[in-house]
Amino acid sequence: MESTWAERDLPVLNALVQQLDDAAGASFPELRDIIEETGLEISEITKAALALETAGYIDLSKTLGSTGSWHVKSVSKEARQAVGQWPSAEQLLDRLVQRLGEAADQETDPEQQSRLREAASTAGGVARNVFVDVLSSVIAKGMGA
């Protein structure tokens, strides 16, 4: 069986998240609203929406009539992370490690430069799982979870 994530599901999810944000709560995007943006047929968008609903990414309201009139009421935090709108703990940690390395490269004080490199090495190395757990907790609390 072929993966549908990159070619079908992710583009549909990305378009739905964007539509929800653009509407700012004024309306819920219908599946037919993303045909042009995704370049997919409504049958493929419907399959993607059903898969995304099953996976817990979207809250899909299935109205009477054509599937094109089905609409998305909300998306999960995992959906926003999947489309890159909200960073995951791993992504935040990777950015932190990168910034610490950059700061070390620009630092002129050898002692401070050494501390920055050690911090980057620790955060990206053996203590990575601890840092990811801490960041995950911070993210969850920040989102009210």
N, C-alpha and C. Protein backbone atom coordinates (compact mmCIF):
# COMPACT_ATOMS: atom_id res chain seq x y z
N MET A 1 0.84 -1.18 0.00
CA MET A 1 0.00 0.00 0.00
C MET A 1 0.89 1.25 0.00
N GLU A 2 0.52 2.22 -0.80
CA GLU A 2 1.29 3.45 -0.93
C GLU A 2 0.92 4.46 0.16
N SER A 3 1.89 5.23 0.60
CA SER A 3 1.65 6.28 1.58
C SER A 3 0.92 7.44 0.92
N THR A 4 -0.08 7.96 1.60
CA THR A 4 -0.85 9.09 1.08
C THR A 4 -0.53 10.39 1.81
N TRP A 5 0.34 10.33 2.79
CA TRP A 5 0.60 11.49 3.64
C TRP A 5 1.12 12.69 2.85
N ALA A 6 2.22 12.54 2.15
CA ALA A 6 2.87 13.68 1.50
C ALA A 6 2.09 14.20 0.30
N GLU A 7 1.49 13.31 -0.44
CA GLU A 7 0.83 13.72 -1.68
C GLU A 7 -0.62 14.14 -1.50
N ARG A 8 -1.28 13.63 -0.47
CA ARG A 8 -2.71 13.91 -0.33
C ARG A 8 -3.05 14.51 1.03
N ASP A 9 -2.76 13.79 2.11
CA ASP A 9 -3.23 14.18 3.43
C ASP A 9 -2.60 15.47 3.94
N LEU A 10 -1.28 15.58 3.83
CA LEU A 10 -0.61 16.79 4.33
C LEU A 10 -1.03 18.05 3.57
N PRO A 11 -1.10 18.03 2.24
CA PRO A 11 -1.58 19.24 1.54
C PRO A 11 -3.01 19.63 1.94
N VAL A 12 -3.87 18.63 2.15
CA VAL A 12 -5.24 18.91 2.58
C VAL A 12 -5.22 19.51 3.99
N LEU A 13 -4.45 18.92 4.88
CA LEU A 13 -4.36 19.44 6.25
C LEU A 13 -3.81 20.86 6.26
N ASN A 14 -2.78 21.10 5.49
CA ASN A 14 -2.19 22.44 5.42
C ASN A 14 -3.22 23.46 4.93
N ALA A 15 -3.96 23.11 3.89
CA ALA A 15 -4.97 24.03 3.34
C ALA A 15 -6.09 24.28 4.35
N LEU A 16 -6.51 23.25 5.06
CA LEU A 16 -7.58 23.42 6.05
C LEU A 16 -7.14 24.29 7.22
N VAL A 17 -5.92 24.09 7.70
CA VAL A 17 -5.40 24.92 8.79
C VAL A 17 -5.34 26.38 8.32
N GLN A 18 -4.84 26.59 7.12
CA GLN A 18 -4.75 27.95 6.58
C GLN A 18 -6.13 28.59 6.44
N GLN A 19 -7.09 27.82 5.93
CA GLN A 19 -8.46 28.34 5.78
C GLN A 19 -9.06 28.71 7.13
N LEU A 20 -8.85 27.87 8.14
CA LEU A 20 -9.37 28.18 9.47
C LEU A 20 -8.75 29.46 10.02
N ASP A 21 -7.46 29.61 9.83
CA ASP A 21 -6.78 30.80 10.33
C ASP A 21 -7.22 32.05 9.57
N ASP A 22 -7.39 31.92 8.26
CA ASP A 22 -7.81 33.08 7.45
C ASP A 22 -9.22 33.53 7.83
N ALA A 23 -10.09 32.56 8.16
CA ALA A 23 -11.46 32.89 8.52
C ALA A 23 -11.54 33.47 9.93
N ALA A 24 -10.54 33.20 10.76
CA ALA A 24 -10.48 33.70 12.14
C ALA A 24 -11.78 33.47 12.89
N GLY A 25 -12.33 32.26 12.73
CA GLY A 25 -13.53 31.90 13.47
C GLY A 25 -14.82 32.39 12.84
N ALA A 26 -14.75 33.15 11.74
CA ALA A 26 -15.95 33.66 11.11
C ALA A 26 -16.73 32.56 10.39
N SER A 27 -16.03 31.58 9.87
CA SER A 27 -16.70 30.47 9.19
C SER A 27 -15.79 29.25 9.21
N PHE A 28 -16.38 28.12 8.93
CA PHE A 28 -15.63 26.88 8.88
C PHE A 28 -15.39 26.51 7.42
N PRO A 29 -14.16 26.14 7.08
CA PRO A 29 -13.89 25.80 5.68
C PRO A 29 -14.62 24.51 5.26
N GLU A 30 -15.21 24.57 4.10
CA GLU A 30 -15.81 23.38 3.52
C GLU A 30 -14.75 22.68 2.68
N LEU A 31 -14.91 21.40 2.49
CA LEU A 31 -13.91 20.65 1.73
C LEU A 31 -13.76 21.21 0.32
N ARG A 32 -14.85 21.65 -0.29
CA ARG A 32 -14.76 22.21 -1.65
C ARG A 32 -13.94 23.50 -1.70
N ASP A 33 -13.75 24.16 -0.55
CA ASP A 33 -13.00 25.42 -0.50
C ASP A 33 -11.51 25.24 -0.79
N ILE A 34 -11.01 24.01 -0.72
CA ILE A 34 -9.57 23.80 -0.88
C ILE A 34 -9.21 23.06 -2.17
N ILE A 35 -10.18 22.88 -3.05
CA ILE A 35 -9.91 22.17 -4.31
C ILE A 35 -8.81 22.87 -5.09
N GLU A 36 -8.97 24.17 -5.30
CA GLU A 36 -7.98 24.91 -6.10
C GLU A 36 -6.61 24.94 -5.42
N GLU A 37 -6.62 25.18 -4.12
CA GLU A 37 -5.35 25.28 -3.39
C GLU A 37 -4.55 23.97 -3.40
N THR A 38 -5.25 22.85 -3.30
CA THR A 38 -4.55 21.56 -3.24
C THR A 38 -4.33 20.95 -4.62
N GLY A 39 -5.17 21.31 -5.58
CA GLY A 39 -5.09 20.70 -6.90
C GLY A 39 -5.64 19.28 -6.93
N LEU A 40 -6.38 18.92 -5.90
CA LEU A 40 -6.94 17.57 -5.78
C LEU A 40 -8.43 17.56 -6.12
N GLU A 41 -8.90 16.41 -6.56
CA GLU A 41 -10.32 16.21 -6.79
C GLU A 41 -11.03 16.11 -5.44
N ILE A 42 -12.33 16.43 -5.42
CA ILE A 42 -13.07 16.38 -4.16
C ILE A 42 -13.07 14.97 -3.56
N SER A 43 -13.04 13.94 -4.40
CA SER A 43 -13.02 12.57 -3.86
C SER A 43 -11.73 12.32 -3.07
N GLU A 44 -10.60 12.83 -3.56
CA GLU A 44 -9.33 12.67 -2.84
C GLU A 44 -9.30 13.52 -1.58
N ILE A 45 -9.85 14.73 -1.65
CA ILE A 45 -9.92 15.60 -0.47
C ILE A 45 -10.79 14.94 0.60
N THR A 46 -11.89 14.32 0.18
CA THR A 46 -12.78 13.63 1.12
C THR A 46 -12.05 12.47 1.79
N LYS A 47 -11.32 11.68 1.01
CA LYS A 47 -10.56 10.57 1.59
C LYS A 47 -9.53 11.09 2.59
N ALA A 48 -8.86 12.17 2.23
CA ALA A 48 -7.87 12.75 3.14
C ALA A 48 -8.54 13.25 4.41
N ALA A 49 -9.68 13.93 4.27
CA ALA A 49 -10.38 14.47 5.45
C ALA A 49 -10.82 13.35 6.39
N LEU A 50 -11.30 12.26 5.82
CA LEU A 50 -11.70 11.13 6.65
C LEU A 50 -10.50 10.52 7.38
N ALA A 51 -9.38 10.41 6.67
CA ALA A 51 -8.16 9.89 7.30
C ALA A 51 -7.66 10.83 8.39
N LEU A 52 -7.71 12.13 8.13
CA LEU A 52 -7.26 13.12 9.10
C LEU A 52 -8.17 13.15 10.33
N GLU A 53 -9.46 12.94 10.10
CA GLU A 53 -10.40 12.87 11.22
C GLU A 53 -10.11 11.64 12.08
N THR A 54 -9.91 10.51 11.43
CA THR A 54 -9.62 9.27 12.15
C THR A 54 -8.34 9.39 12.98
N ALA A 55 -7.36 10.10 12.43
CA ALA A 55 -6.08 10.29 13.12
C ALA A 55 -6.16 11.35 14.22
N GLY A 56 -7.28 12.04 14.33
CA GLY A 56 -7.44 13.05 15.37
C GLY A 56 -6.90 14.42 15.02
N TYR A 57 -6.60 14.65 13.74
CA TYR A 57 -6.07 15.95 13.32
C TYR A 57 -7.17 17.00 13.15
N ILE A 58 -8.35 16.59 12.69
CA ILE A 58 -9.42 17.56 12.43
C ILE A 58 -10.73 17.09 13.05
N ASP A 59 -11.62 18.08 13.30
CA ASP A 59 -12.98 17.81 13.74
C ASP A 59 -13.86 18.09 12.52
N LEU A 60 -14.32 17.04 11.88
CA LEU A 60 -15.03 17.13 10.61
C LEU A 60 -16.53 17.04 10.85
N SER A 61 -17.27 17.99 10.31
CA SER A 61 -18.73 17.98 10.40
C SER A 61 -19.27 17.50 9.06
N LYS A 62 -19.91 16.35 9.08
CA LYS A 62 -20.43 15.74 7.86
C LYS A 62 -21.90 16.13 7.71
N THR A 63 -22.15 17.11 6.87
CA THR A 63 -23.50 17.60 6.65
C THR A 63 -24.18 16.78 5.56
N LEU A 64 -25.48 16.93 5.46
CA LEU A 64 -26.23 16.27 4.39
C LEU A 64 -25.84 16.89 3.06
N GLY A 65 -25.95 16.11 2.03
CA GLY A 65 -25.60 16.61 0.70
C GLY A 65 -24.24 16.09 0.30
N SER A 66 -23.61 16.80 -0.61
CA SER A 66 -22.32 16.34 -1.14
C SER A 66 -21.22 16.48 -0.11
N THR A 67 -20.19 15.65 -0.27
CA THR A 67 -19.06 15.72 0.66
C THR A 67 -18.33 17.06 0.55
N GLY A 68 -18.49 17.75 -0.56
CA GLY A 68 -17.87 19.06 -0.70
C GLY A 68 -18.37 20.07 0.31
N SER A 69 -19.58 19.85 0.82
CA SER A 69 -20.13 20.77 1.82
C SER A 69 -19.77 20.39 3.25
N TRP A 70 -19.10 19.26 3.43
CA TRP A 70 -18.60 18.92 4.76
C TRP A 70 -17.63 20.02 5.18
N HIS A 71 -17.60 20.34 6.45
CA HIS A 71 -16.70 21.41 6.90
C HIS A 71 -15.91 21.00 8.14
N VAL A 72 -14.82 21.71 8.33
CA VAL A 72 -13.91 21.44 9.44
C VAL A 72 -14.15 22.49 10.52
N LYS A 73 -14.48 22.01 11.72
CA LYS A 73 -14.77 22.91 12.83
C LYS A 73 -13.52 23.32 13.59
N SER A 74 -12.54 22.42 13.64
CA SER A 74 -11.31 22.74 14.37
C SER A 74 -10.21 21.76 13.96
N VAL A 75 -8.99 22.12 14.33
CA VAL A 75 -7.83 21.25 14.12
C VAL A 75 -7.10 21.10 15.45
N SER A 76 -6.41 19.99 15.61
CA SER A 76 -5.70 19.71 16.86
C SER A 76 -4.32 20.38 16.86
N LYS A 77 -3.70 20.39 18.04
CA LYS A 77 -2.34 20.92 18.13
C LYS A 77 -1.39 20.07 17.29
N GLU A 78 -1.66 18.76 17.21
CA GLU A 78 -0.83 17.88 16.38
C GLU A 78 -0.94 18.25 14.91
N ALA A 79 -2.12 18.69 14.50
CA ALA A 79 -2.31 19.13 13.11
C ALA A 79 -1.45 20.37 12.85
N ARG A 80 -1.47 21.30 13.78
CA ARG A 80 -0.67 22.52 13.61
C ARG A 80 0.83 22.20 13.63
N GLN A 81 1.23 21.23 14.42
CA GLN A 81 2.63 20.83 14.43
C GLN A 81 2.99 20.14 13.11
N ALA A 82 2.09 19.33 12.59
CA ALA A 82 2.37 18.60 11.34
C ALA A 82 2.59 19.54 10.16
N VAL A 83 1.89 20.67 10.16
CA VAL A 83 2.06 21.62 9.06
C VAL A 83 3.12 22.67 9.36
N GLY A 84 3.77 22.53 10.51
CA GLY A 84 4.86 23.44 10.84
C GLY A 84 4.44 24.75 11.46
N GLN A 85 3.18 24.86 11.83
CA GLN A 85 2.70 26.11 12.42
C GLN A 85 3.12 26.24 13.88
N TRP A 86 3.12 25.13 14.59
CA TRP A 86 3.57 25.11 15.97
C TRP A 86 4.74 24.17 16.05
N PRO A 87 5.82 24.59 16.65
CA PRO A 87 6.98 23.70 16.72
C PRO A 87 6.78 22.58 17.73
N SER A 88 7.42 21.47 17.47
CA SER A 88 7.44 20.38 18.44
C SER A 88 8.60 20.64 19.39
N ALA A 89 8.66 19.89 20.45
CA ALA A 89 9.76 20.02 21.41
C ALA A 89 11.09 19.72 20.73
N GLU A 90 11.10 18.72 19.86
CA GLU A 90 12.32 18.36 19.14
C GLU A 90 12.79 19.51 18.25
N GLN A 91 11.84 20.15 17.56
CA GLN A 91 12.20 21.27 16.69
C GLN A 91 12.74 22.45 17.49
N LEU A 92 12.11 22.73 18.62
CA LEU A 92 12.59 23.82 19.47
C LEU A 92 14.00 23.53 19.98
N LEU A 93 14.23 22.30 20.39
CA LEU A 93 15.55 21.93 20.89
C LEU A 93 16.60 22.03 19.79
N ASP A 94 16.27 21.58 18.59
CA ASP A 94 17.21 21.70 17.48
C ASP A 94 17.57 23.16 17.22
N ARG A 95 16.57 24.05 17.29
CA ARG A 95 16.85 25.48 17.10
C ARG A 95 17.73 26.03 18.21
N LEU A 96 17.46 25.60 19.44
CA LEU A 96 18.27 26.04 20.58
C LEU A 96 19.72 25.62 20.41
N VAL A 97 19.93 24.36 20.05
CA VAL A 97 21.29 23.84 19.85
C VAL A 97 21.98 24.62 18.74
N GLN A 98 21.26 24.89 17.65
CA GLN A 98 21.84 25.66 16.54
C GLN A 98 22.21 27.07 16.99
N ARG A 99 21.33 27.72 17.74
CA ARG A 99 21.60 29.10 18.19
C ARG A 99 22.75 29.14 19.19
N LEU A 100 22.86 28.14 20.04
CA LEU A 100 23.99 28.09 20.96
C LEU A 100 25.30 27.95 20.20
N GLY A 101 25.30 27.13 19.16
CA GLY A 101 26.49 26.97 18.32
C GLY A 101 26.85 28.27 17.62
N GLU A 102 25.83 28.97 17.11
CA GLU A 102 26.07 30.26 16.45
C GLU A 102 26.61 31.29 17.44
N ALA A 103 26.06 31.29 18.65
CA ALA A 103 26.53 32.22 19.68
C ALA A 103 27.98 31.93 20.04
N ALA A 104 28.31 30.64 20.11
CA ALA A 104 29.70 30.25 20.41
C ALA A 104 30.63 30.72 19.30
N ASP A 105 30.22 30.61 18.06
CA ASP A 105 31.03 31.04 16.93
C ASP A 105 31.31 32.55 16.97
N GLN A 106 30.38 33.31 17.51
CA GLN A 106 30.52 34.76 17.54
C GLN A 106 31.18 35.27 18.83
N GLU A 107 31.28 34.42 19.81
CA GLU A 107 31.83 34.82 21.11
C GLU A 107 33.34 34.98 21.01
N THR A 108 33.84 36.08 21.59
CA THR A 108 35.29 36.34 21.57
C THR A 108 35.98 35.85 22.83
N ASP A 109 35.23 35.74 23.92
CA ASP A 109 35.80 35.25 25.18
C ASP A 109 35.91 33.73 25.12
N PRO A 110 37.12 33.17 25.16
CA PRO A 110 37.30 31.72 25.03
C PRO A 110 36.55 30.91 26.09
N GLU A 111 36.49 31.43 27.31
CA GLU A 111 35.79 30.71 28.38
C GLU A 111 34.29 30.66 28.11
N GLN A 112 33.73 31.79 27.72
CA GLN A 112 32.30 31.85 27.40
C GLN A 112 31.99 31.01 26.15
N GLN A 113 32.89 31.04 25.18
CA GLN A 113 32.72 30.25 23.96
C GLN A 113 32.69 28.76 24.31
N SER A 114 33.56 28.35 25.21
CA SER A 114 33.60 26.95 25.65
C SER A 114 32.30 26.55 26.35
N ARG A 115 31.76 27.44 27.19
CA ARG A 115 30.51 27.16 27.90
C ARG A 115 29.34 27.01 26.92
N LEU A 116 29.31 27.88 25.94
CA LEU A 116 28.24 27.81 24.94
C LEU A 116 28.31 26.51 24.14
N ARG A 117 29.52 26.12 23.76
CA ARG A 117 29.68 24.87 23.00
C ARG A 117 29.30 23.66 23.87
N GLU A 118 29.66 23.71 25.15
CA GLU A 118 29.31 22.63 26.06
C GLU A 118 27.79 22.54 26.23
N ALA A 119 27.13 23.70 26.35
CA ALA A 119 25.67 23.71 26.48
C ALA A 119 25.02 23.12 25.24
N ALA A 120 25.51 23.50 24.06
CA ALA A 120 24.98 22.97 22.81
C ALA A 120 25.19 21.47 22.73
N SER A 121 26.36 21.02 23.12
CA SER A 121 26.68 19.60 23.08
C SER A 121 25.79 18.81 24.04
N THR A 122 25.58 19.35 25.23
CA THR A 122 24.74 18.67 26.22
C THR A 122 23.29 18.60 25.75
N ALA A 123 22.76 19.72 25.28
CA ALA A 123 21.36 19.76 24.84
C ALA A 123 21.13 18.87 23.63
N GLY A 124 22.11 18.74 22.77
CA GLY A 124 21.95 17.93 21.57
C GLY A 124 22.45 16.52 21.72
N GLY A 125 23.05 16.20 22.85
CA GLY A 125 23.66 14.88 23.02
C GLY A 125 22.93 14.00 24.00
N VAL A 126 23.66 13.58 25.01
CA VAL A 126 23.14 12.58 25.95
C VAL A 126 21.93 13.07 26.74
N ALA A 127 21.81 14.36 26.95
CA ALA A 127 20.69 14.90 27.73
C ALA A 127 19.51 15.30 26.84
N ARG A 128 19.58 14.97 25.56
CA ARG A 128 18.54 15.39 24.61
C ARG A 128 17.14 14.96 25.06
N ASN A 129 16.99 13.72 25.48
CA ASN A 129 15.66 13.23 25.88
C ASN A 129 15.11 14.01 27.07
N VAL A 130 15.98 14.38 28.00
CA VAL A 130 15.55 15.16 29.16
C VAL A 130 15.07 16.54 28.69
N PHE A 131 15.84 17.17 27.82
CA PHE A 131 15.46 18.48 27.31
C PHE A 131 14.15 18.40 26.54
N VAL A 132 13.96 17.37 25.73
CA VAL A 132 12.72 17.21 24.96
C VAL A 132 11.54 17.05 25.91
N ASP A 133 11.70 16.26 26.97
CA ASP A 133 10.62 16.08 27.94
C ASP A 133 10.25 17.40 28.61
N VAL A 134 11.26 18.16 28.99
CA VAL A 134 11.02 19.46 29.63
C VAL A 134 10.32 20.41 28.67
N LEU A 135 10.81 20.51 27.45
CA LEU A 135 10.18 21.39 26.46
C LEU A 135 8.76 20.95 26.13
N SER A 136 8.54 19.65 26.05
CA SER A 136 7.18 19.14 25.79
C SER A 136 6.22 19.58 26.91
N SER A 137 6.69 19.51 28.13
CA SER A 137 5.88 19.94 29.26
C SER A 137 5.59 21.43 29.19
N VAL A 138 6.59 22.22 28.86
CA VAL A 138 6.40 23.67 28.74
C VAL A 138 5.41 24.00 27.64
N ILE A 139 5.55 23.32 26.50
CA ILE A 139 4.63 23.55 25.38
C ILE A 139 3.21 23.18 25.78
N ALA A 140 3.04 22.03 26.41
CA ALA A 140 1.72 21.58 26.81
C ALA A 140 1.06 22.56 27.79
N LYS A 141 1.82 23.05 28.75
CA LYS A 141 1.29 24.01 29.70
C LYS A 141 0.94 25.32 29.01
N GLY A 142 1.76 25.72 28.03
CA GLY A 142 1.50 26.95 27.29
C GLY A 142 0.24 26.88 26.44
N MET A 143 -0.15 25.66 26.05
CA MET A 143 -1.35 25.48 25.24
C MET A 143 -2.55 25.11 26.09
N GLY A 144 -2.37 25.16 27.40
CA GLY A 144 -3.49 24.86 28.29
C GLY A 144 -3.81 23.39 28.43
N ALA A 145 -2.85 22.54 28.08
CA ALA A 145 -3.11 21.09 28.18
C ALA A 145 -2.80 20.57 29.56
